[in-house]
Amino acid sequence: MDLDPDLAALRPLGPFFALRPLSGSPGDPARALPTLARAYGDTSAGGAPDGHGDPLAFRVRKVTEALRAPEDRIAASVTQQGLAARLWSVTLGCAVLYGSIPGLAPRLLRWDPDAAAPDDLWLTEVRARPGDAATVAATVLDGHLEPLAAALRARHPVAAGLLRGNSASALAGAARQLDRWARTHGRPDVAARARALTAELFTHPLLADTGTLTGTAFRRRSCCLYYRVPGGGVCGDCCFTRPPRSSPRAPSG
């Protein structure tokens, strides 16, 4: 199946999978949003600062306030995992349903740091690329999650292993949702492709040591720090089975 301009096949999968193209109207408000390249620190990448100044810092502050997080590094972790989930969902969904993925270079994606999925990302144009594991990994890990991690770690004391664990957790979560949708809708072929592609992606050096993947179930070796949020607990794939009682630093992986 060829990529369609609206990536319509992604919509039934849920909001994290949806990705809308910019409209042809010069007055489309999304055109004024910063690119993800700008959020990662490339100020020459295009896209206005959108009144938020530094879009990544704005997002971390917003998450800190929303969660009442006692440390900025917690919000930095949650911010990174949220973007990772969006990027993996879009890319994995396209690779499995279309057999190809859109080019998702950071300069092609507009980002609203004040919005939640699916109203946070817009794609400037749809350009088809291969949907193999190597291209998917290069698109998401090399193109986005590594520069995002570097930008966050330059400002917050969050461990590289923790962020890699977040990336792996987000990938496993996208695979589970895609597998669940495929089985509910009688598409065992889609479920099989999703599992096979996810398993291959987990052999990538940046993901291979992050935890254990069994089918679409994942147990990570690090913690995203969510347990440190007031009222928070441990996630389903956390290395902890219960929130630590007294630990200033969670395992970083």
C-alpha atoms as a PDB file:
ATOM      1  CA  MET A   1       0.000   0.000   0.000  1.00  0.00           C
ATOM      2  CA  ASP A   2       1.346   3.416  -0.956  1.00  0.00           C
ATOM      3  CA  LEU A   3       1.479   6.209   1.611  1.00  0.00           C
ATOM      4  CA  ASP A   4      -1.523   8.479   1.228  1.00  0.00           C
ATOM      5  CA  PRO A   5      -1.127  12.240   1.809  1.00  0.00           C
ATOM      6  CA  ASP A   6      -3.179  12.137   5.023  1.00  0.00           C
ATOM      7  CA  LEU A   7      -1.734   8.899   6.444  1.00  0.00           C
ATOM      8  CA  ALA A   8      -5.358   7.901   6.987  1.00  0.00           C
ATOM      9  CA  ALA A   9      -4.597   4.264   7.849  1.00  0.00           C
ATOM     10  CA  LEU A  10      -3.062   5.402  11.145  1.00  0.00           C
ATOM     11  CA  ARG A  11      -6.189   7.067  12.532  1.00  0.00           C
ATOM     12  CA  PRO A  12      -8.042   3.916  13.683  1.00  0.00           C
ATOM     13  CA  LEU A  13      -5.016   2.879  15.744  1.00  0.00           C
ATOM     14  CA  GLY A  14      -5.467   5.631  18.314  1.00  0.00           C
ATOM     15  CA  PRO A  15      -4.334   9.203  18.959  1.00  0.00           C
ATOM     16  CA  PHE A  16      -0.650   8.431  19.470  1.00  0.00           C
ATOM     17  CA  PHE A  17      -0.477   7.000  15.944  1.00  0.00           C
ATOM     18  CA  ALA A  18      -2.173   9.894  14.166  1.00  0.00           C
ATOM     19  CA  LEU A  19      -0.044  12.370  12.241  1.00  0.00           C
ATOM     20  CA  ARG A  20      -1.596  15.186  10.277  1.00  0.00           C
ATOM     21  CA  PRO A  21       0.042  16.980   7.378  1.00  0.00           C
ATOM     22  CA  LEU A  22       0.132  20.758   7.305  1.00  0.00           C
ATOM     23  CA  SER A  23      -2.733  22.199   5.301  1.00  0.00           C
ATOM     24  CA  GLY A  24      -2.040  24.032   2.063  1.00  0.00           C
ATOM     25  CA  SER A  25      -3.251  27.265   3.572  1.00  0.00           C
ATOM     26  CA  PRO A  26      -0.513  29.836   4.277  1.00  0.00           C
ATOM     27  CA  GLY A  27      -2.588  30.848   7.284  1.00  0.00           C
ATOM     28  CA  ASP A  28      -2.486  27.410   8.923  1.00  0.00           C
ATOM     29  CA  PRO A  29      -1.532  28.154  12.576  1.00  0.00           C
ATOM     30  CA  ALA A  30       0.638  25.041  12.653  1.00  0.00           C
ATOM     31  CA  ARG A  31       3.015  26.697  10.195  1.00  0.00           C
ATOM     32  CA  ALA A  32       4.066  29.098  12.944  1.00  0.00           C
ATOM     33  CA  LEU A  33       5.045  26.290  15.303  1.00  0.00           C
ATOM     34  CA  PRO A  34       8.698  25.403  15.938  1.00  0.00           C
ATOM     35  CA  THR A  35      10.184  22.352  14.292  1.00  0.00           C
ATOM     36  CA  LEU A  36      11.449  19.459  16.373  1.00  0.00           C
ATOM     37  CA  ALA A  37      14.906  20.328  15.045  1.00  0.00           C
ATOM     38  CA  ARG A  38      14.589  23.679  16.826  1.00  0.00           C
ATOM     39  CA  ALA A  39      13.437  21.905  19.979  1.00  0.00           C
ATOM     40  CA  TYR A  40      16.576  19.766  19.842  1.00  0.00           C
ATOM     41  CA  GLY A  41      18.714  22.894  19.706  1.00  0.00           C
ATOM     42  CA  ASP A  42      19.114  23.685  16.000  1.00  0.00           C
ATOM     43  CA  THR A  43      18.097  27.348  15.866  1.00  0.00           C
ATOM     44  CA  SER A  44      18.680  27.482  12.108  1.00  0.00           C
ATOM     45  CA  ALA A  45      16.192  24.702  11.419  1.00  0.00           C
ATOM     46  CA  GLY A  46      13.144  26.847  10.686  1.00  0.00           C
ATOM     47  CA  GLY A  47       9.894  27.381  12.461  1.00  0.00           C
ATOM     48  CA  ALA A  48       9.270  30.316  14.716  1.00  0.00           C
ATOM     49  CA  PRO A  49       9.739  30.014  18.475  1.00  0.00           C
ATOM     50  CA  ASP A  50       5.911  30.288  18.701  1.00  0.00           C
ATOM     51  CA  GLY A  51       5.975  32.580  21.699  1.00  0.00           C
ATOM     52  CA  HIS A  52       7.369  29.779  23.852  1.00  0.00           C
ATOM     53  CA  GLY A  53      10.989  30.858  23.496  1.00  0.00           C
ATOM     54  CA  ASP A  54      12.737  27.546  24.030  1.00  0.00           C
ATOM     55  CA  PRO A  55      10.090  24.919  23.121  1.00  0.00           C
ATOM     56  CA  LEU A  56      11.754  22.015  24.929  1.00  0.00           C
ATOM     57  CA  ALA A  57      12.228  24.013  28.137  1.00  0.00           C
ATOM     58  CA  PHE A  58       8.603  25.144  27.860  1.00  0.00           C
ATOM     59  CA  ARG A  59       7.413  21.529  27.610  1.00  0.00           C
ATOM     60  CA  VAL A  60       9.472  20.386  30.585  1.00  0.00           C
ATOM     61  CA  ARG A  61       8.131  23.257  32.700  1.00  0.00           C
ATOM     62  CA  LYS A  62       4.588  22.443  31.628  1.00  0.00           C
ATOM     63  CA  VAL A  63       4.997  18.770  32.580  1.00  0.00           C
ATOM     64  CA  THR A  64       6.649  19.702  35.873  1.00  0.00           C
ATOM     65  CA  GLU A  65       3.679  21.862  36.811  1.00  0.00           C
ATOM     66  CA  ALA A  66       1.068  19.367  35.605  1.00  0.00           C
ATOM     67  CA  LEU A  67       2.591  16.481  37.583  1.00  0.00           C
ATOM     68  CA  ARG A  68       3.667  18.627  40.535  1.00  0.00           C
ATOM     69  CA  ALA A  69       7.016  16.915  40.036  1.00  0.00           C
ATOM     70  CA  PRO A  70       9.541  17.609  42.798  1.00  0.00           C
ATOM     71  CA  GLU A  71      12.454  17.518  40.316  1.00  0.00           C
ATOM     72  CA  ASP A  72      12.808  18.790  36.766  1.00  0.00           C
ATOM     73  CA  ARG A  73      14.561  15.571  35.763  1.00  0.00           C
ATOM     74  CA  ILE A  74      11.300  13.685  36.323  1.00  0.00           C
ATOM     75  CA  ALA A  75       9.492  15.977  33.907  1.00  0.00           C
ATOM     76  CA  ALA A  76      12.393  15.714  31.471  1.00  0.00           C
ATOM     77  CA  SER A  77      12.005  11.933  31.528  1.00  0.00           C
ATOM     78  CA  VAL A  78       8.229  12.096  31.024  1.00  0.00           C
ATOM     79  CA  THR A  79       8.638  14.647  28.212  1.00  0.00           C
ATOM     80  CA  GLN A  80      11.121  12.419  26.400  1.00  0.00           C
ATOM     81  CA  GLN A  81       9.002   9.301  26.795  1.00  0.00           C
ATOM     82  CA  GLY A  82       5.932  11.089  25.459  1.00  0.00           C
ATOM     83  CA  LEU A  83       7.728  12.201  22.308  1.00  0.00           C
ATOM     84  CA  ALA A  84       9.304   8.764  21.919  1.00  0.00           C
ATOM     85  CA  ALA A  85       5.860   7.154  22.079  1.00  0.00           C
ATOM     86  CA  ARG A  86       4.530   9.488  19.379  1.00  0.00           C
ATOM     87  CA  LEU A  87       7.468   8.945  17.049  1.00  0.00           C
ATOM     88  CA  TRP A  88       7.583   5.171  17.463  1.00  0.00           C
ATOM     89  CA  SER A  89       3.810   4.860  17.041  1.00  0.00           C
ATOM     90  CA  VAL A  90       3.714   6.827  13.793  1.00  0.00           C
ATOM     91  CA  THR A  91       6.759   5.127  12.331  1.00  0.00           C
ATOM     92  CA  LEU A  92       5.949   1.566  13.412  1.00  0.00           C
ATOM     93  CA  GLY A  93       2.329   1.962  12.335  1.00  0.00           C
ATOM     94  CA  CYS A  94       3.314   3.172   8.874  1.00  0.00           C
ATOM     95  CA  ALA A  95       5.986   0.503   8.439  1.00  0.00           C
ATOM     96  CA  VAL A  96       3.528  -2.272   9.288  1.00  0.00           C
ATOM     97  CA  LEU A  97       0.396  -0.990   7.543  1.00  0.00           C
ATOM     98  CA  TYR A  98       1.925   0.689   4.493  1.00  0.00           C
ATOM     99  CA  GLY A  99       5.252  -1.107   4.157  1.00  0.00           C
ATOM    100  CA  SER A 100       6.970   2.265   4.063  1.00  0.00           C
ATOM    101  CA  ILE A 101       7.344   5.275   6.348  1.00  0.00           C
ATOM    102  CA  PRO A 102       7.188   9.013   5.761  1.00  0.00           C
ATOM    103  CA  GLY A 103      10.391  10.965   6.001  1.00  0.00           C
ATOM    104  CA  LEU A 104      10.312  12.303   9.551  1.00  0.00           C
ATOM    105  CA  ALA A 105      13.409  14.461   9.679  1.00  0.00           C
ATOM    106  CA  PRO A 106      13.185  16.832  12.674  1.00  0.00           C
ATOM    107  CA  ARG A 107      13.030  19.846  10.344  1.00  0.00           C
ATOM    108  CA  LEU A 108       9.886  18.396   8.699  1.00  0.00           C
ATOM    109  CA  LEU A 109       7.905  17.995  11.922  1.00  0.00           C
ATOM    110  CA  ARG A 110       6.190  20.964  13.569  1.00  0.00           C
ATOM    111  CA  TRP A 111       5.669  20.591  17.296  1.00  0.00           C
ATOM    112  CA  ASP A 112       3.294  22.325  19.680  1.00  0.00           C
ATOM    113  CA  PRO A 113       4.937  22.049  23.130  1.00  0.00           C
ATOM    114  CA  ASP A 114       1.697  23.218  24.745  1.00  0.00           C
ATOM    115  CA  ALA A 115      -0.482  20.426  23.300  1.00  0.00           C
ATOM    116  CA  ALA A 116      -1.035  16.722  23.881  1.00  0.00           C
ATOM    117  CA  ALA A 117      -1.319  13.940  21.296  1.00  0.00           C
ATOM    118  CA  PRO A 118      -2.564  13.938  18.597  1.00  0.00           C
ATOM    119  CA  ASP A 119      -2.556  17.737  18.415  1.00  0.00           C
ATOM    120  CA  ASP A 120       1.165  18.104  19.045  1.00  0.00           C
ATOM    121  CA  LEU A 121       2.742  17.081  15.723  1.00  0.00           C
ATOM    122  CA  TRP A 122       2.282  18.093  12.077  1.00  0.00           C
ATOM    123  CA  LEU A 123       4.235  16.806   9.104  1.00  0.00           C
ATOM    124  CA  THR A 124       5.314  19.380   6.538  1.00  0.00           C
ATOM    125  CA  GLU A 125       5.192  16.936   3.619  1.00  0.00           C
ATOM    126  CA  VAL A 126       4.842  13.196   3.048  1.00  0.00           C
ATOM    127  CA  ARG A 127       7.905  11.632   1.436  1.00  0.00           C
ATOM    128  CA  ALA A 128       7.963   7.833   1.330  1.00  0.00           C
ATOM    129  CA  ARG A 129      10.977   5.951   2.654  1.00  0.00           C
ATOM    130  CA  PRO A 130      11.569   2.202   3.120  1.00  0.00           C
ATOM    131  CA  GLY A 131       9.866   0.566   6.095  1.00  0.00           C
ATOM    132  CA  ASP A 132      12.689  -1.806   7.063  1.00  0.00           C
ATOM    133  CA  ALA A 133      14.111  -1.943  10.578  1.00  0.00           C
ATOM    134  CA  ALA A 134      17.336  -0.153   9.677  1.00  0.00           C
ATOM    135  CA  THR A 135      15.485   2.829   8.204  1.00  0.00           C
ATOM    136  CA  VAL A 136      13.002   2.932  11.091  1.00  0.00           C
ATOM    137  CA  ALA A 137      15.832   2.885  13.635  1.00  0.00           C
ATOM    138  CA  ALA A 138      17.774   5.568  11.785  1.00  0.00           C
ATOM    139  CA  THR A 139      14.653   7.727  11.571  1.00  0.00           C
ATOM    140  CA  VAL A 140      13.557   7.483  15.204  1.00  0.00           C
ATOM    141  CA  LEU A 141      16.667   6.675  17.229  1.00  0.00           C
ATOM    142  CA  ASP A 142      19.355   8.528  15.294  1.00  0.00           C
ATOM    143  CA  GLY A 143      17.165  11.285  13.896  1.00  0.00           C
ATOM    144  CA  HIS A 144      15.164  12.111  17.009  1.00  0.00           C
ATOM    145  CA  LEU A 145      15.746  10.301  20.271  1.00  0.00           C
ATOM    146  CA  GLU A 146      19.507  10.720  20.417  1.00  0.00           C
ATOM    147  CA  PRO A 147      19.466  14.508  19.766  1.00  0.00           C
ATOM    148  CA  LEU A 148      16.475  14.834  22.114  1.00  0.00           C
ATOM    149  CA  ALA A 149      18.355  12.978  24.844  1.00  0.00           C
ATOM    150  CA  ALA A 150      21.425  15.150  24.323  1.00  0.00           C
ATOM    151  CA  ALA A 151      19.337  18.331  24.576  1.00  0.00           C
ATOM    152  CA  LEU A 152      17.661  17.153  27.781  1.00  0.00           C
ATOM    153  CA  ARG A 153      20.855  15.885  29.403  1.00  0.00           C
ATOM    154  CA  ALA A 154      22.564  19.200  28.715  1.00  0.00           C
ATOM    155  CA  ARG A 155      20.017  20.823  31.053  1.00  0.00           C
ATOM    156  CA  HIS A 156      18.877  18.138  33.498  1.00  0.00           C
ATOM    157  CA  PRO A 157      20.687  15.429  35.507  1.00  0.00           C
ATOM    158  CA  VAL A 158      18.904  12.541  33.801  1.00  0.00           C
ATOM    159  CA  ALA A 159      20.875   9.397  32.977  1.00  0.00           C
ATOM    160  CA  ALA A 160      21.453   8.247  29.409  1.00  0.00           C
ATOM    161  CA  GLY A 161      20.453   4.689  30.345  1.00  0.00           C
ATOM    162  CA  LEU A 162      17.163   5.904  31.780  1.00  0.00           C
ATOM    163  CA  LEU A 163      16.332   7.707  28.535  1.00  0.00           C
ATOM    164  CA  ARG A 164      17.251   4.654  26.467  1.00  0.00           C
ATOM    165  CA  GLY A 165      14.940   2.638  28.713  1.00  0.00           C
ATOM    166  CA  ASN A 166      12.186   5.154  28.045  1.00  0.00           C
ATOM    167  CA  SER A 167      12.771   4.792  24.302  1.00  0.00           C
ATOM    168  CA  ALA A 168      12.530   1.012  24.545  1.00  0.00           C
ATOM    169  CA  SER A 169       9.431   1.182  26.722  1.00  0.00           C
ATOM    170  CA  ALA A 170       7.753   3.527  24.247  1.00  0.00           C
ATOM    171  CA  LEU A 171       8.552   1.192  21.348  1.00  0.00           C
ATOM    172  CA  ALA A 172       7.163  -1.821  23.200  1.00  0.00           C
ATOM    173  CA  GLY A 173       4.038   0.151  24.088  1.00  0.00           C
ATOM    174  CA  ALA A 174       3.452   1.110  20.454  1.00  0.00           C
ATOM    175  CA  ALA A 175       3.932  -2.510  19.406  1.00  0.00           C
ATOM    176  CA  ARG A 176       1.418  -3.723  22.001  1.00  0.00           C
ATOM    177  CA  GLN A 177      -1.214  -1.251  20.847  1.00  0.00           C
ATOM    178  CA  LEU A 178      -0.657  -2.176  17.207  1.00  0.00           C
ATOM    179  CA  ASP A 179      -0.775  -5.894  18.035  1.00  0.00           C
ATOM    180  CA  ARG A 180      -3.975  -5.409  20.064  1.00  0.00           C
ATOM    181  CA  TRP A 181      -5.647  -3.493  17.234  1.00  0.00           C
ATOM    182  CA  ALA A 182      -4.604  -6.097  14.662  1.00  0.00           C
ATOM    183  CA  ARG A 183      -5.973  -9.013  16.684  1.00  0.00           C
ATOM    184  CA  THR A 184      -9.218  -7.206  17.481  1.00  0.00           C
ATOM    185  CA  HIS A 185      -9.779  -6.465  13.795  1.00  0.00           C
ATOM    186  CA  GLY A 186      -8.837  -9.878  12.469  1.00  0.00           C
ATOM    187  CA  ARG A 187      -5.472  -8.867  10.994  1.00  0.00           C
ATOM    188  CA  PRO A 188      -3.022 -11.560  12.097  1.00  0.00           C
ATOM    189  CA  ASP A 189      -0.725 -10.495   9.255  1.00  0.00           C
ATOM    190  CA  VAL A 190      -0.410  -7.018  10.781  1.00  0.00           C
ATOM    191  CA  ALA A 191       0.191  -8.479  14.241  1.00  0.00           C
ATOM    192  CA  ALA A 192       2.929 -10.754  12.894  1.00  0.00           C
ATOM    193  CA  ARG A 193       4.656  -7.923  11.033  1.00  0.00           C
ATOM    194  CA  ALA A 194       4.506  -5.667  14.086  1.00  0.00           C
ATOM    195  CA  ARG A 195       6.071  -8.302  16.334  1.00  0.00           C
ATOM    196  CA  ALA A 196       8.787  -9.202  13.846  1.00  0.00           C
ATOM    197  CA  LEU A 197       9.767  -5.587  13.191  1.00  0.00           C
ATOM    198  CA  THR A 198       9.761  -4.738  16.898  1.00  0.00           C
ATOM    199  CA  ALA A 199      11.942  -7.738  17.731  1.00  0.00           C
ATOM    200  CA  GLU A 200      14.427  -6.676  15.050  1.00  0.00           C
ATOM    201  CA  LEU A 201      14.458  -3.096  16.336  1.00  0.00           C
ATOM    202  CA  PHE A 202      15.295  -4.362  19.825  1.00  0.00           C
ATOM    203  CA  THR A 203      18.558  -5.771  18.488  1.00  0.00           C
ATOM    204  CA  HIS A 204      19.776  -2.205  17.854  1.00  0.00           C
ATOM    205  CA  PRO A 205      22.721  -1.317  20.125  1.00  0.00           C
ATOM    206  CA  LEU A 206      20.784   1.551  21.728  1.00  0.00           C
ATOM    207  CA  LEU A 207      17.937  -0.774  22.726  1.00  0.00           C
ATOM    208  CA  ALA A 208      19.455  -4.233  23.100  1.00  0.00           C
ATOM    209  CA  ASP A 209      20.483  -3.884  26.752  1.00  0.00           C
ATOM    210  CA  THR A 210      17.457  -1.893  27.957  1.00  0.00           C
ATOM    211  CA  GLY A 211      15.402  -4.861  29.122  1.00  0.00           C
ATOM    212  CA  THR A 212      13.724  -8.088  28.087  1.00  0.00           C
ATOM    213  CA  LEU A 213      11.162  -8.255  25.275  1.00  0.00           C
ATOM    214  CA  THR A 214       8.889 -11.308  25.165  1.00  0.00           C
ATOM    215  CA  GLY A 215       6.407 -10.994  22.330  1.00  0.00           C
ATOM    216  CA  THR A 216       5.102  -7.497  23.015  1.00  0.00           C
ATOM    217  CA  ALA A 217       5.648  -7.729  26.783  1.00  0.00           C
ATOM    218  CA  PHE A 218       8.638  -5.769  28.045  1.00  0.00           C
ATOM    219  CA  ARG A 219      10.466  -5.544  31.363  1.00  0.00           C
ATOM    220  CA  ARG A 220      12.964  -2.723  31.450  1.00  0.00           C
ATOM    221  CA  ARG A 221      16.171  -2.508  33.475  1.00  0.00           C
ATOM    222  CA  SER A 222      15.710   1.145  34.418  1.00  0.00           C
ATOM    223  CA  CYS A 223      13.006   3.363  35.873  1.00  0.00           C
ATOM    224  CA  CYS A 224      11.411   6.437  34.293  1.00  0.00           C
ATOM    225  CA  LEU A 225      11.118   8.124  37.747  1.00  0.00           C
ATOM    226  CA  TYR A 226       7.335   8.424  37.617  1.00  0.00           C
ATOM    227  CA  TYR A 227       7.101   6.838  41.072  1.00  0.00           C
ATOM    228  CA  ARG A 228       8.596  10.058  42.468  1.00  0.00           C
ATOM    229  CA  VAL A 229       5.564  12.082  41.334  1.00  0.00           C
ATOM    230  CA  PRO A 230       3.044  12.748  44.144  1.00  0.00           C
ATOM    231  CA  GLY A 231       0.553   9.886  43.980  1.00  0.00           C
ATOM    232  CA  GLY A 232       2.583   8.124  41.292  1.00  0.00           C
ATOM    233  CA  GLY A 233       3.476   4.441  41.264  1.00  0.00           C
ATOM    234  CA  VAL A 234       5.555   2.104  39.167  1.00  0.00           C
ATOM    235  CA  CYS A 235       4.735   1.451  35.528  1.00  0.00           C
ATOM    236  CA  GLY A 236       3.857  -1.990  34.236  1.00  0.00           C
ATOM    237  CA  ASP A 237       7.281  -2.575  32.708  1.00  0.00           C
ATOM    238  CA  CYS A 238       9.354  -0.974  35.479  1.00  0.00           C
ATOM    239  CA  CYS A 239      12.431  -2.652  36.950  1.00  0.00           C
ATOM    240  CA  PHE A 240      10.785  -2.107  40.343  1.00  0.00           C
ATOM    241  CA  THR A 241       7.801  -4.158  41.498  1.00  0.00           C
ATOM    242  CA  ARG A 242       6.870  -1.457  44.010  1.00  0.00           C
ATOM    243  CA  PRO A 243       7.970   2.158  44.522  1.00  0.00           C
ATOM    244  CA  PRO A 244      11.292   2.375  46.402  1.00  0.00           C
ATOM    245  CA  ARG A 245      10.822   3.806  49.895  1.00  0.00           C
ATOM    246  CA  SER A 246      13.998   5.817  50.024  1.00  0.00           C
ATOM    247  CA  SER A 247      16.231   6.138  47.014  1.00  0.00           C
ATOM    248  CA  PRO A 248      17.524   9.486  45.768  1.00  0.00           C
ATOM    249  CA  ARG A 249      18.355   8.026  42.368  1.00  0.00           C
ATOM    250  CA  ALA A 250      16.577   5.314  40.423  1.00  0.00           C
ATOM    251  CA  PRO A 251      18.528   2.798  38.321  1.00  0.00           C
ATOM    252  CA  SER A 252      19.643   4.355  35.074  1.00  0.00           C
ATOM    253  CA  GLY A 253      20.145   1.139  33.137  1.00  0.00           C
END
